Amino acid sequence: MISFKGSQFPRDVILHAVFFYMRYTVSYRDLEEILAERGVEVDHATLNRWVSRYAGLIAEEARRRKRPTDASRRMDETYVRVRGEWVYLYRAVDKFGKTLDFMLSKRRNKAAATRFFARALEVNGLPRKIVIDKSGANTAGLNEIGKMLKRFGCPIPIEVLRMKYLNNMVEQDHRFIKRRIRPMLDFKSFASAEATLAGIELANMIRKDQFAPGLRPFQQFVQLVA
């Protein structure tokens, strides 16, 4: 359970603010004004701290509680600017577009790709097939994962396809993330970017009904905190 101990505001106010910021294209100052219209006086800097503190924690809980996904998967990475430099957001979805996992990395290399594939396996299990682009780093990362699985006695190798057109699913899914972060222009720190992007990915997963279909989006979000 995520603790809100020590906060000067009720839990529901914090959760509404964090979810609203992750899901909709508003700035912290916009959100400050929206909350003020509803009688909640909170500074935009405090809203920033809430997102940085809680978004990543709730998203990490969500990774382990999402509904099962398909064993045919697509993986790709996109670019995010942090303090004027490009970093890499690794992302994976299944063949139906459901989010499998995500990871922000300062590097785009074999080590980063291996770490991301291992992270995705941890909560999603073994895939039947993985579609990637022709990136040498991603290919090397998957080869390393294959060797690790073989050492652990996995009898069935993962089928790897390097076909760009089959990866359109995940490339299209980048658009939701890009559309949300575009007004932010630039993240001030890697830690802030990591937490905020995790929250935006979570909002995207809720939009796809990956937790409790039938409930309103905010209700699904609240369930992940309990």
Foldseek 3Di string as FASTA:
>chain_A
DDDPPPDPDDPVVLLVLLLCLLQDQDALVRSQVVVVVVVDHDDSVVSLVSLLVPQQVLLVLVLQFFAAAALAKEKDWDWAAAPRDIWIKIWMHHLVLATQDIDIGRDQAQVVLLVVVVVSCVRHNHHQEYEYAPDPSNVSSLVVVQVVVVVVPDPHRHHYHHDVVSNVSVVVVVVQLCVRCVVVVYHHDPSSVRSSSSNNVVLVNLVVVRHPPPDDSSVSSVVSVD
